Amino acid sequence: WAAAYVPDRDWFIQKAIGWWLRDLSKHDAARTRAFLDAHGAQMKSFAR
């Protein structure tokens, strides 16, 4: 779902993606990195 939201430019949606991944990174850094490798370039910079 988060990956499908990446093209959405709404600030609150981008913030939610960043929030979910930030929390995930504390428990599965590798999966977070994989998501960012695949989609980070399309995320807004603050969310990334």
All heavy atoms as atom14 arrays in JSON, in Angstrom:
{
  "sequence": "WAAAYVPDRDWFIQKAIGWWLRDLSKHDAARTRAFLDAHGAQMKSFAR",
  "atom14_mask": [
    [1, 1, 1, 1, 1, 1, 1, 1, 1, 1, 1, 1, 1, 1],
    [1, 1, 1, 1, 1, 0, 0, 0, 0, 0, 0, 0, 0, 0],
    [1, 1, 1, 1, 1, 0, 0, 0, 0, 0, 0, 0, 0, 0],
    [1, 1, 1, 1, 1, 0, 0, 0, 0, 0, 0, 0, 0, 0],
    [1, 1, 1, 1, 1, 1, 1, 1, 1, 1, 1, 1, 0, 0],
    [1, 1, 1, 1, 1, 1, 1, 0, 0, 0, 0, 0, 0, 0],
    [1, 1, 1, 1, 1, 1, 1, 0, 0, 0, 0, 0, 0, 0],
    [1, 1, 1, 1, 1, 1, 1, 1, 0, 0, 0, 0, 0, 0],
    [1, 1, 1, 1, 1, 1, 1, 1, 1, 1, 1, 0, 0, 0],
    [1, 1, 1, 1, 1, 1, 1, 1, 0, 0, 0, 0, 0, 0],
    [1, 1, 1, 1, 1, 1, 1, 1, 1, 1, 1, 1, 1, 1],
    [1, 1, 1, 1, 1, 1, 1, 1, 1, 1, 1, 0, 0, 0],
    [1, 1, 1, 1, 1, 1, 1, 1, 0, 0, 0, 0, 0, 0],
    [1, 1, 1, 1, 1, 1, 1, 1, 1, 0, 0, 0, 0, 0],
    [1, 1, 1, 1, 1, 1, 1, 1, 1, 0, 0, 0, 0, 0],
    [1, 1, 1, 1, 1, 0, 0, 0, 0, 0, 0, 0, 0, 0],
    [1, 1, 1, 1, 1, 1, 1, 1, 0, 0, 0, 0, 0, 0],
    [1, 1, 1, 1, 0, 0, 0, 0, 0, 0, 0, 0, 0, 0],
    [1, 1, 1, 1, 1, 1, 1, 1, 1, 1, 1, 1, 1, 1],
    [1, 1, 1, 1, 1, 1, 1, 1, 1, 1, 1, 1, 1, 1],
    [1, 1, 1, 1, 1, 1, 1, 1, 0, 0, 0, 0, 0, 0],
    [1, 1, 1, 1, 1, 1, 1, 1, 1, 1, 1, 0, 0, 0],
    [1, 1, 1, 1, 1, 1, 1, 1, 0, 0, 0, 0, 0, 0],
    [1, 1, 1, 1, 1, 1, 1, 1, 0, 0, 0, 0, 0, 0],
    [1, 1, 1, 1, 1, 1, 0, 0, 0, 0, 0, 0, 0, 0],
    [1, 1, 1, 1, 1, 1, 1, 1, 1, 0, 0, 0, 0, 0],
    [1, 1, 1, 1, 1, 1, 1, 1, 1, 1, 0, 0, 0, 0],
    [1, 1, 1, 1, 1, 1, 1, 1, 0, 0, 0, 0, 0, 0],
    [1, 1, 1, 1, 1, 0, 0, 0, 0, 0, 0, 0, 0, 0],
    [1, 1, 1, 1, 1, 0, 0, 0, 0, 0, 0, 0, 0, 0],
    [1, 1, 1, 1, 1, 1, 1, 1, 1, 1, 1, 0, 0, 0],
    [1, 1, 1, 1, 1, 1, 1, 0, 0, 0, 0, 0, 0, 0],
    [1, 1, 1, 1, 1, 1, 1, 1, 1, 1, 1, 0, 0, 0],
    [1, 1, 1, 1, 1, 0, 0, 0, 0, 0, 0, 0, 0, 0],
    [1, 1, 1, 1, 1, 1, 1, 1, 1, 1, 1, 0, 0, 0],
    [1, 1, 1, 1, 1, 1, 1, 1, 0, 0, 0, 0, 0, 0],
    [1, 1, 1, 1, 1, 1, 1, 1, 0, 0, 0, 0, 0, 0],
    [1, 1, 1, 1, 1, 0, 0, 0, 0, 0, 0, 0, 0, 0],
    [1, 1, 1, 1, 1, 1, 1, 1, 1, 1, 0, 0, 0, 0],
    [1, 1, 1, 1, 0, 0, 0, 0, 0, 0, 0, 0, 0, 0],
    [1, 1, 1, 1, 1, 0, 0, 0, 0, 0, 0, 0, 0, 0],
    [1, 1, 1, 1, 1, 1, 1, 1, 1, 0, 0, 0, 0, 0],
    [1, 1, 1, 1, 1, 1, 1, 1, 0, 0, 0, 0, 0, 0],
    [1, 1, 1, 1, 1, 1, 1, 1, 1, 0, 0, 0, 0, 0],
    [1, 1, 1, 1, 1, 1, 0, 0, 0, 0, 0, 0, 0, 0],
    [1, 1, 1, 1, 1, 1, 1, 1, 1, 1, 1, 0, 0, 0],
    [1, 1, 1, 1, 1, 0, 0, 0, 0, 0, 0, 0, 0, 0],
    [1, 1, 1, 1, 1, 1, 1, 1, 1, 1, 1, 0, 0, 0]
  ],
  "atom14_positions": [
    [[0.84, -1.2, 0.0], [0.0, 0.0, 0.0], [0.87, 1.25, 0.0], [0.61, 2.2, -0.74], [-0.9, 0.03, 1.23], [-1.78, -1.16, 1.43], [-2.09, -2.13, 0.5], [-2.46, -1.53, 2.63], [-2.91, -3.08, 1.07], [-3.17, -2.73, 2.36], [-2.55, -0.96, 3.9], [-3.95, -3.37, 3.34], [-3.32, -1.58, 4.86], [-4.02, -2.77, 4.59]],
    [[1.9, 1.23, 0.84], [2.79, 2.4, 0.93], [3.46, 2.66, -0.41], [3.58, 3.82, -0.84], [3.84, 2.17, 2.02], [0.0, 0.0, 0.0], [0.0, 0.0, 0.0], [0.0, 0.0, 0.0], [0.0, 0.0, 0.0], [0.0, 0.0, 0.0], [0.0, 0.0, 0.0], [0.0, 0.0, 0.0], [0.0, 0.0, 0.0], [0.0, 0.0, 0.0]],
    [[3.89, 1.6, -1.09], [4.52, 1.77, -2.4], [3.55, 2.39, -3.4], [3.93, 3.26, -4.21], [5.03, 0.42, -2.89], [0.0, 0.0, 0.0], [0.0, 0.0, 0.0], [0.0, 0.0, 0.0], [0.0, 0.0, 0.0], [0.0, 0.0, 0.0], [0.0, 0.0, 0.0], [0.0, 0.0, 0.0], [0.0, 0.0, 0.0], [0.0, 0.0, 0.0]],
    [[2.29, 1.97, -3.33], [1.28, 2.52, -4.25], [1.0, 3.99, -3.95], [0.57, 4.75, -4.83], [-0.01, 1.71, -4.15], [0.0, 0.0, 0.0], [0.0, 0.0, 0.0], [0.0, 0.0, 0.0], [0.0, 0.0, 0.0], [0.0, 0.0, 0.0], [0.0, 0.0, 0.0], [0.0, 0.0, 0.0], [0.0, 0.0, 0.0], [0.0, 0.0, 0.0]],
    [[1.25, 4.42, -2.71], [1.03, 5.82, -2.32], [2.17, 6.74, -2.77], [2.0, 7.97, -2.74], [0.93, 5.92, -0.8], [-0.37, 5.49, -0.17], [-0.52, 5.52, 1.21], [-1.45, 5.06, -0.92], [-1.69, 5.14, 1.83], [-2.62, 4.67, -0.31], [-2.74, 4.71, 1.07], [-3.92, 4.33, 1.67], [0.0, 0.0, 0.0], [0.0, 0.0, 0.0]],
    [[3.31, 6.18, -3.08], [4.49, 7.02, -3.35], [4.23, 8.12, -4.38], [4.67, 9.26, -4.19], [5.69, 6.14, -3.75], [6.82, 6.99, -4.35], [6.22, 5.38, -2.54], [0.0, 0.0, 0.0], [0.0, 0.0, 0.0], [0.0, 0.0, 0.0], [0.0, 0.0, 0.0], [0.0, 0.0, 0.0], [0.0, 0.0, 0.0], [0.0, 0.0, 0.0]],
    [[3.51, 7.86, -5.48], [3.25, 8.94, -6.44], [2.32, 10.04, -5.92], [2.23, 11.12, -6.53], [2.61, 8.22, -7.63], [3.0, 6.79, -7.48], [3.05, 6.56, -6.0], [0.0, 0.0, 0.0], [0.0, 0.0, 0.0], [0.0, 0.0, 0.0], [0.0, 0.0, 0.0], [0.0, 0.0, 0.0], [0.0, 0.0, 0.0], [0.0, 0.0, 0.0]],
    [[1.63, 9.8, -4.81], [0.71, 10.79, -4.24], [1.54, 11.92, -3.62], [2.34, 11.69, -2.73], [-0.15, 10.12, -3.17], [-1.33, 10.98, -2.72], [-1.16, 12.22, -2.61], [-2.41, 10.42, -2.45], [0.0, 0.0, 0.0], [0.0, 0.0, 0.0], [0.0, 0.0, 0.0], [0.0, 0.0, 0.0], [0.0, 0.0, 0.0], [0.0, 0.0, 0.0]],
    [[1.32, 13.13, -4.07], [2.13, 14.26, -3.62], [1.6, 14.94, -2.37], [2.22, 15.9, -1.87], [2.21, 15.33, -4.74], [2.84, 14.82, -6.04], [4.35, 14.58, -5.88], [4.64, 13.2, -5.45], [5.85, 12.78, -5.11], [6.87, 13.62, -5.12], [6.03, 11.53, -4.75], [0.0, 0.0, 0.0], [0.0, 0.0, 0.0], [0.0, 0.0, 0.0]],
    [[0.48, 14.47, -1.82], [-0.07, 15.09, -0.63], [0.91, 14.98, 0.53], [1.46, 13.91, 0.8], [-1.4, 14.43, -0.25], [-2.12, 15.18, 0.86], [-1.73, 15.01, 2.03], [-3.04, 15.95, 0.56], [0.0, 0.0, 0.0], [0.0, 0.0, 0.0], [0.0, 0.0, 0.0], [0.0, 0.0, 0.0], [0.0, 0.0, 0.0], [0.0, 0.0, 0.0]],
    [[1.1, 16.08, 1.27], [2.09, 16.11, 2.35], [1.78, 15.06, 3.41], [2.68, 14.36, 3.89], [2.1, 17.5, 2.98], [3.21, 17.7, 3.98], [4.45, 18.2, 3.74], [3.16, 17.39, 5.4], [5.19, 18.22, 4.91], [4.43, 17.73, 5.93], [2.19, 16.87, 6.24], [4.73, 17.56, 7.29], [2.5, 16.68, 7.59], [3.75, 17.03, 8.1]],
    [[0.5, 14.93, 3.78], [0.14, 14.0, 4.85], [0.35, 12.54, 4.42], [0.71, 11.7, 5.24], [-1.31, 14.22, 5.29], [-1.49, 15.4, 6.2], [-2.04, 16.59, 5.74], [-1.1, 15.34, 7.53], [-2.21, 17.68, 6.58], [-1.25, 16.42, 8.38], [-1.81, 17.6, 7.91], [0.0, 0.0, 0.0], [0.0, 0.0, 0.0], [0.0, 0.0, 0.0]],
    [[0.12, 12.25, 3.15], [0.36, 10.9, 2.66], [1.85, 10.6, 2.66], [2.29, 9.54, 3.13], [-0.23, 10.71, 1.25], [-1.76, 10.83, 1.29], [0.21, 9.37, 0.65], [-2.46, 9.73, 2.07], [0.0, 0.0, 0.0], [0.0, 0.0, 0.0], [0.0, 0.0, 0.0], [0.0, 0.0, 0.0], [0.0, 0.0, 0.0], [0.0, 0.0, 0.0]],
    [[2.65, 11.53, 2.17], [4.09, 11.33, 2.17], [4.63, 11.2, 3.6], [5.5, 10.37, 3.88], [4.78, 12.5, 1.45], [4.54, 12.53, -0.05], [5.34, 11.48, -0.79], [6.52, 11.28, -0.52], [4.7, 10.8, -1.74], [0.0, 0.0, 0.0], [0.0, 0.0, 0.0], [0.0, 0.0, 0.0], [0.0, 0.0, 0.0], [0.0, 0.0, 0.0]],
    [[4.09, 12.0, 4.5], [4.5, 11.93, 5.91], [4.17, 10.56, 6.49], [4.98, 9.98, 7.25], [3.78, 13.02, 6.7], [4.08, 13.03, 8.2], [5.49, 13.45, 8.5], [5.72, 13.61, 9.99], [7.11, 13.98, 10.31], [0.0, 0.0, 0.0], [0.0, 0.0, 0.0], [0.0, 0.0, 0.0], [0.0, 0.0, 0.0], [0.0, 0.0, 0.0]],
    [[3.01, 10.01, 6.15], [2.61, 8.7, 6.66], [3.54, 7.6, 6.13], [3.89, 6.66, 6.87], [1.16, 8.4, 6.28], [0.0, 0.0, 0.0], [0.0, 0.0, 0.0], [0.0, 0.0, 0.0], [0.0, 0.0, 0.0], [0.0, 0.0, 0.0], [0.0, 0.0, 0.0], [0.0, 0.0, 0.0], [0.0, 0.0, 0.0], [0.0, 0.0, 0.0]],
    [[3.94, 7.7, 4.87], [4.88, 6.73, 4.32], [6.2, 6.8, 5.09], [6.74, 5.77, 5.52], [5.14, 6.99, 2.82], [3.86, 6.85, 2.0], [6.21, 6.04, 2.29], [3.98, 7.34, 0.57], [0.0, 0.0, 0.0], [0.0, 0.0, 0.0], [0.0, 0.0, 0.0], [0.0, 0.0, 0.0], [0.0, 0.0, 0.0], [0.0, 0.0, 0.0]],
    [[6.71, 8.01, 5.27], [7.96, 8.18, 6.01], [7.86, 7.68, 7.43], [8.79, 7.05, 7.95], [0.0, 0.0, 0.0], [0.0, 0.0, 0.0], [0.0, 0.0, 0.0], [0.0, 0.0, 0.0], [0.0, 0.0, 0.0], [0.0, 0.0, 0.0], [0.0, 0.0, 0.0], [0.0, 0.0, 0.0], [0.0, 0.0, 0.0], [0.0, 0.0, 0.0]],
    [[6.73, 7.93, 8.07], [6.49, 7.51, 9.45], [6.52, 5.98, 9.55], [7.18, 5.42, 10.43], [5.14, 8.07, 9.89], [4.71, 7.81, 11.3], [5.39, 7.16, 12.29], [3.46, 8.22, 11.88], [4.65, 7.13, 13.45], [3.46, 7.77, 13.22], [2.35, 8.92, 11.39], [2.39, 7.99, 14.08], [1.28, 9.15, 12.25], [1.3, 8.69, 13.58]],
    [[5.8, 5.31, 8.63], [5.73, 3.85, 8.65], [7.14, 3.25, 8.47], [7.54, 2.34, 9.2], [4.8, 3.35, 7.54], [3.98, 2.16, 7.93], [2.72, 2.16, 8.42], [4.38, 0.78, 7.87], [2.29, 0.88, 8.66], [3.29, 0.01, 8.33], [5.55, 0.13, 7.48], [3.33, -1.39, 8.42], [5.59, -1.26, 7.56], [4.5, -2.01, 8.02]],
    [[7.87, 3.79, 7.52], [9.21, 3.27, 7.25], [10.18, 3.59, 8.38], [11.06, 2.78, 8.71], [9.73, 3.85, 5.94], [8.99, 3.38, 4.68], [9.44, 4.19, 3.48], [9.21, 1.89, 4.42], [0.0, 0.0, 0.0], [0.0, 0.0, 0.0], [0.0, 0.0, 0.0], [0.0, 0.0, 0.0], [0.0, 0.0, 0.0], [0.0, 0.0, 0.0]],
    [[10.05, 4.75, 8.98], [10.91, 5.11, 10.11], [10.73, 4.12, 11.25], [11.71, 3.64, 11.84], [10.57, 6.52, 10.6], [11.43, 7.03, 11.76], [10.77, 8.21, 12.43], [9.55, 7.82, 13.13], [8.6, 8.67, 13.51], [8.7, 9.96, 13.26], [7.52, 8.23, 14.15], [0.0, 0.0, 0.0], [0.0, 0.0, 0.0], [0.0, 0.0, 0.0]],
    [[9.48, 3.79, 11.56], [9.23, 2.81, 12.62], [9.73, 1.43, 12.21], [10.28, 0.69, 13.03], [7.74, 2.76, 12.96], [7.3, 3.94, 13.82], [8.15, 4.8, 14.14], [6.11, 4.02, 14.17], [0.0, 0.0, 0.0], [0.0, 0.0, 0.0], [0.0, 0.0, 0.0], [0.0, 0.0, 0.0], [0.0, 0.0, 0.0], [0.0, 0.0, 0.0]],
    [[9.53, 1.07, 10.95], [10.0, -0.22, 10.47], [11.52, -0.33, 10.57], [12.05, -1.41, 10.89], [9.56, -0.43, 9.02], [10.04, -1.72, 8.35], [9.45, -2.95, 9.04], [9.66, -1.71, 6.86], [0.0, 0.0, 0.0], [0.0, 0.0, 0.0], [0.0, 0.0, 0.0], [0.0, 0.0, 0.0], [0.0, 0.0, 0.0], [0.0, 0.0, 0.0]],
    [[12.22, 0.77, 10.32], [13.68, 0.73, 10.29], [14.28, 0.31, 11.62], [15.4, -0.22, 11.66], [14.23, 2.1, 9.87], [14.07, 3.06, 10.9], [0.0, 0.0, 0.0], [0.0, 0.0, 0.0], [0.0, 0.0, 0.0], [0.0, 0.0, 0.0], [0.0, 0.0, 0.0], [0.0, 0.0, 0.0], [0.0, 0.0, 0.0], [0.0, 0.0, 0.0]],
    [[13.56, 0.53, 12.72], [14.05, 0.15, 14.04], [13.98, -1.37, 14.25], [14.6, -1.9, 15.18], [13.24, 0.84, 15.13], [13.28, 2.37, 15.07], [12.35, 2.95, 16.12], [12.23, 4.45, 16.0], [11.28, 5.02, 16.98], [0.0, 0.0, 0.0], [0.0, 0.0, 0.0], [0.0, 0.0, 0.0], [0.0, 0.0, 0.0], [0.0, 0.0, 0.0]],
    [[13.21, -2.06, 13.41], [12.98, -3.48, 13.58], [13.44, -4.31, 12.37], [13.71, -5.5, 12.51], [11.49, -3.73, 13.84], [10.97, -2.93, 14.99], [11.05, -3.36, 16.3], [10.38, -1.7, 15.03], [10.53, -2.44, 17.1], [10.12, -1.43, 16.35], [0.0, 0.0, 0.0], [0.0, 0.0, 0.0], [0.0, 0.0, 0.0], [0.0, 0.0, 0.0]],
    [[13.49, -3.68, 11.21], [13.94, -4.37, 10.0], [14.58, -3.33, 9.07], [13.96, -2.87, 8.1], [12.77, -5.07, 9.31], [13.23, -6.04, 8.23], [14.37, -5.9, 7.74], [12.43, -6.93, 7.85], [0.0, 0.0, 0.0], [0.0, 0.0, 0.0], [0.0, 0.0, 0.0], [0.0, 0.0, 0.0], [0.0, 0.0, 0.0], [0.0, 0.0, 0.0]],
    [[15.81, -2.99, 9.37], [16.51, -1.97, 8.59], [16.69, -2.4, 7.15], [16.58, -1.58, 6.23], [17.86, -1.67, 9.23], [0.0, 0.0, 0.0], [0.0, 0.0, 0.0], [0.0, 0.0, 0.0], [0.0, 0.0, 0.0], [0.0, 0.0, 0.0], [0.0, 0.0, 0.0], [0.0, 0.0, 0.0], [0.0, 0.0, 0.0], [0.0, 0.0, 0.0]],
    [[16.95, -3.69, 6.93], [17.19, -4.17, 5.57], [15.96, -3.99, 4.7], [16.06, -3.58, 3.54], [17.61, -5.63, 5.61], [0.0, 0.0, 0.0], [0.0, 0.0, 0.0], [0.0, 0.0, 0.0], [0.0, 0.0, 0.0], [0.0, 0.0, 0.0], [0.0, 0.0, 0.0], [0.0, 0.0, 0.0], [0.0, 0.0, 0.0], [0.0, 0.0, 0.0]],
    [[14.78, -4.27, 5.25], [13.55, -4.13, 4.46], [13.27, -2.66, 4.18], [12.78, -2.3, 3.1], [12.37, -4.76, 5.21], [11.07, -4.75, 4.39], [11.22, -5.6, 3.14], [10.03, -5.56, 2.3], [9.81, -4.66, 1.33], [10.72, -3.71, 1.09], [8.71, -4.72, 0.6], [0.0, 0.0, 0.0], [0.0, 0.0, 0.0], [0.0, 0.0, 0.0]],
    [[13.59, -1.81, 5.14], [13.41, -0.38, 4.94], [14.33, 0.11, 3.83], [13.9, 0.88, 2.95], [13.68, 0.39, 6.23], [12.88, -0.15, 7.28], [13.37, 1.87, 6.06], [0.0, 0.0, 0.0], [0.0, 0.0, 0.0], [0.0, 0.0, 0.0], [0.0, 0.0, 0.0], [0.0, 0.0, 0.0], [0.0, 0.0, 0.0], [0.0, 0.0, 0.0]],
    [[15.56, -0.32, 3.85], [16.51, 0.06, 2.8], [16.03, -0.42, 1.44], [16.14, 0.29, 0.44], [17.9, -0.51, 3.09], [18.63, 0.17, 4.24], [20.04, -0.39, 4.36], [20.73, 0.16, 5.52], [21.33, 1.32, 5.56], [21.31, 2.1, 4.49], [21.94, 1.73, 6.66], [0.0, 0.0, 0.0], [0.0, 0.0, 0.0], [0.0, 0.0, 0.0]],
    [[15.5, -1.63, 1.4], [15.01, -2.18, 0.13], [13.87, -1.33, -0.43], [13.8, -1.08, -1.65], [14.56, -3.63, 0.32], [0.0, 0.0, 0.0], [0.0, 0.0, 0.0], [0.0, 0.0, 0.0], [0.0, 0.0, 0.0], [0.0, 0.0, 0.0], [0.0, 0.0, 0.0], [0.0, 0.0, 0.0], [0.0, 0.0, 0.0], [0.0, 0.0, 0.0]],
    [[12.97, -0.91, 0.46], [11.86, -0.04, 0.02], [12.41, 1.27, -0.53], [12.0, 1.73, -1.61], [10.91, 0.23, 1.18], [9.67, 0.98, 0.78], [8.47, 0.31, 0.6], [9.67, 2.36, 0.58], [7.31, 0.98, 0.23], [8.53, 3.05, 0.21], [7.34, 2.35, 0.03], [0.0, 0.0, 0.0], [0.0, 0.0, 0.0], [0.0, 0.0, 0.0]],
    [[13.35, 1.87, 0.19], [13.9, 3.15, -0.25], [14.71, 3.0, -1.54], [14.69, 3.89, -2.39], [14.77, 3.74, 0.86], [13.99, 4.23, 2.08], [14.95, 4.66, 3.19], [13.07, 5.4, 1.72], [0.0, 0.0, 0.0], [0.0, 0.0, 0.0], [0.0, 0.0, 0.0], [0.0, 0.0, 0.0], [0.0, 0.0, 0.0], [0.0, 0.0, 0.0]],
    [[15.39, 1.88, -1.7], [16.11, 1.64, -2.95], [15.16, 1.57, -4.13], [15.45, 2.05, -5.23], [16.91, 0.33, -2.86], [18.14, 0.44, -1.97], [18.53, 1.58, -1.65], [18.69, -0.61, -1.6], [0.0, 0.0, 0.0], [0.0, 0.0, 0.0], [0.0, 0.0, 0.0], [0.0, 0.0, 0.0], [0.0, 0.0, 0.0], [0.0, 0.0, 0.0]],
    [[13.98, 0.98, -3.88], [13.0, 0.81, -4.96], [12.17, 2.06, -5.21], [11.8, 2.35, -6.36], [12.08, -0.37, -4.64], [0.0, 0.0, 0.0], [0.0, 0.0, 0.0], [0.0, 0.0, 0.0], [0.0, 0.0, 0.0], [0.0, 0.0, 0.0], [0.0, 0.0, 0.0], [0.0, 0.0, 0.0], [0.0, 0.0, 0.0], [0.0, 0.0, 0.0]],
    [[11.86, 2.81, -4.14], [10.88, 3.89, -4.27], [11.35, 5.25, -3.75], [10.66, 6.25, -3.95], [9.6, 3.5, -3.5], [9.02, 2.18, -3.9], [8.39, 1.99, -5.11], [9.0, 0.99, -3.25], [7.98, 0.73, -5.18], [8.34, 0.1, -4.07], [0.0, 0.0, 0.0], [0.0, 0.0, 0.0], [0.0, 0.0, 0.0], [0.0, 0.0, 0.0]],
    [[12.48, 5.28, -3.07], [12.92, 6.51, -2.42], [13.08, 7.69, -3.36], [12.76, 8.83, -3.0], [0.0, 0.0, 0.0], [0.0, 0.0, 0.0], [0.0, 0.0, 0.0], [0.0, 0.0, 0.0], [0.0, 0.0, 0.0], [0.0, 0.0, 0.0], [0.0, 0.0, 0.0], [0.0, 0.0, 0.0], [0.0, 0.0, 0.0], [0.0, 0.0, 0.0]],
    [[13.53, 7.44, -4.56], [13.76, 8.54, -5.51], [12.46, 9.23, -5.88], [12.48, 10.42, -6.26], [14.46, 8.01, -6.75], [0.0, 0.0, 0.0], [0.0, 0.0, 0.0], [0.0, 0.0, 0.0], [0.0, 0.0, 0.0], [0.0, 0.0, 0.0], [0.0, 0.0, 0.0], [0.0, 0.0, 0.0], [0.0, 0.0, 0.0], [0.0, 0.0, 0.0]],
    [[11.34, 8.51, -5.77], [10.03, 9.1, -6.13], [9.33, 9.74, -4.92], [8.32, 10.43, -5.09], [9.12, 8.02, -6.73], [9.51, 7.58, -8.13], [10.73, 6.66, -8.12], [10.78, 5.72, -7.33], [11.7, 6.95, -8.97], [0.0, 0.0, 0.0], [0.0, 0.0, 0.0], [0.0, 0.0, 0.0], [0.0, 0.0, 0.0], [0.0, 0.0, 0.0]],
    [[9.84, 9.49, -3.73], [9.25, 10.09, -2.53], [9.68, 11.54, -2.41], [10.75, 11.93, -2.9], [9.67, 9.31, -1.28], [9.1, 7.92, -1.19], [9.89, 6.88, 0.09], [9.52, 7.83, 1.58], [0.0, 0.0, 0.0], [0.0, 0.0, 0.0], [0.0, 0.0, 0.0], [0.0, 0.0, 0.0], [0.0, 0.0, 0.0], [0.0, 0.0, 0.0]],
    [[8.88, 12.34, -1.72], [9.31, 13.7, -1.41], [10.51, 13.64, -0.48], [10.63, 12.72, 0.35], [8.16, 14.5, -0.77], [7.1, 14.92, -1.78], [6.21, 16.03, -1.22], [5.29, 16.59, -2.29], [4.5, 17.73, -1.81], [0.0, 0.0, 0.0], [0.0, 0.0, 0.0], [0.0, 0.0, 0.0], [0.0, 0.0, 0.0], [0.0, 0.0, 0.0]],
    [[11.39, 14.6, -0.6], [12.66, 14.54, 0.13], [12.45, 14.48, 1.64], [13.17, 13.75, 2.34], [13.55, 15.73, -0.23], [12.91, 16.95, 0.08], [0.0, 0.0, 0.0], [0.0, 0.0, 0.0], [0.0, 0.0, 0.0], [0.0, 0.0, 0.0], [0.0, 0.0, 0.0], [0.0, 0.0, 0.0], [0.0, 0.0, 0.0], [0.0, 0.0, 0.0]],
    [[11.47, 15.2, 2.17], [11.27, 15.2, 3.62], [10.81, 13.81, 4.09], [11.17, 13.36, 5.18], [10.27, 16.28, 4.06], [8.82, 15.91, 3.89], [8.14, 15.24, 4.9], [8.13, 16.22, 2.73], [6.81, 14.89, 4.76], [6.8, 15.87, 2.59], [6.13, 15.21, 3.6], [0.0, 0.0, 0.0], [0.0, 0.0, 0.0], [0.0, 0.0, 0.0]],
    [[9.99, 13.13, 3.27], [9.5, 11.8, 3.63], [10.64, 10.78, 3.56], [10.75, 9.9, 4.41], [8.36, 11.39, 2.71], [0.0, 0.0, 0.0], [0.0, 0.0, 0.0], [0.0, 0.0, 0.0], [0.0, 0.0, 0.0], [0.0, 0.0, 0.0], [0.0, 0.0, 0.0], [0.0, 0.0, 0.0], [0.0, 0.0, 0.0], [0.0, 0.0, 0.0]],
    [[11.47, 10.92, 2.56], [12.62, 10.03, 2.43], [13.57, 10.21, 3.62], [14.08, 9.24, 4.18], [13.33, 10.31, 1.12], [14.45, 9.34, 0.77], [14.9, 9.53, -0.68], [15.39, 10.87, -0.94], [14.79, 11.77, -1.72], [13.64, 11.48, -2.31], [15.3, 12.97, -1.91], [0.0, 0.0, 0.0], [0.0, 0.0, 0.0], [0.0, 0.0, 0.0]]
  ]
}
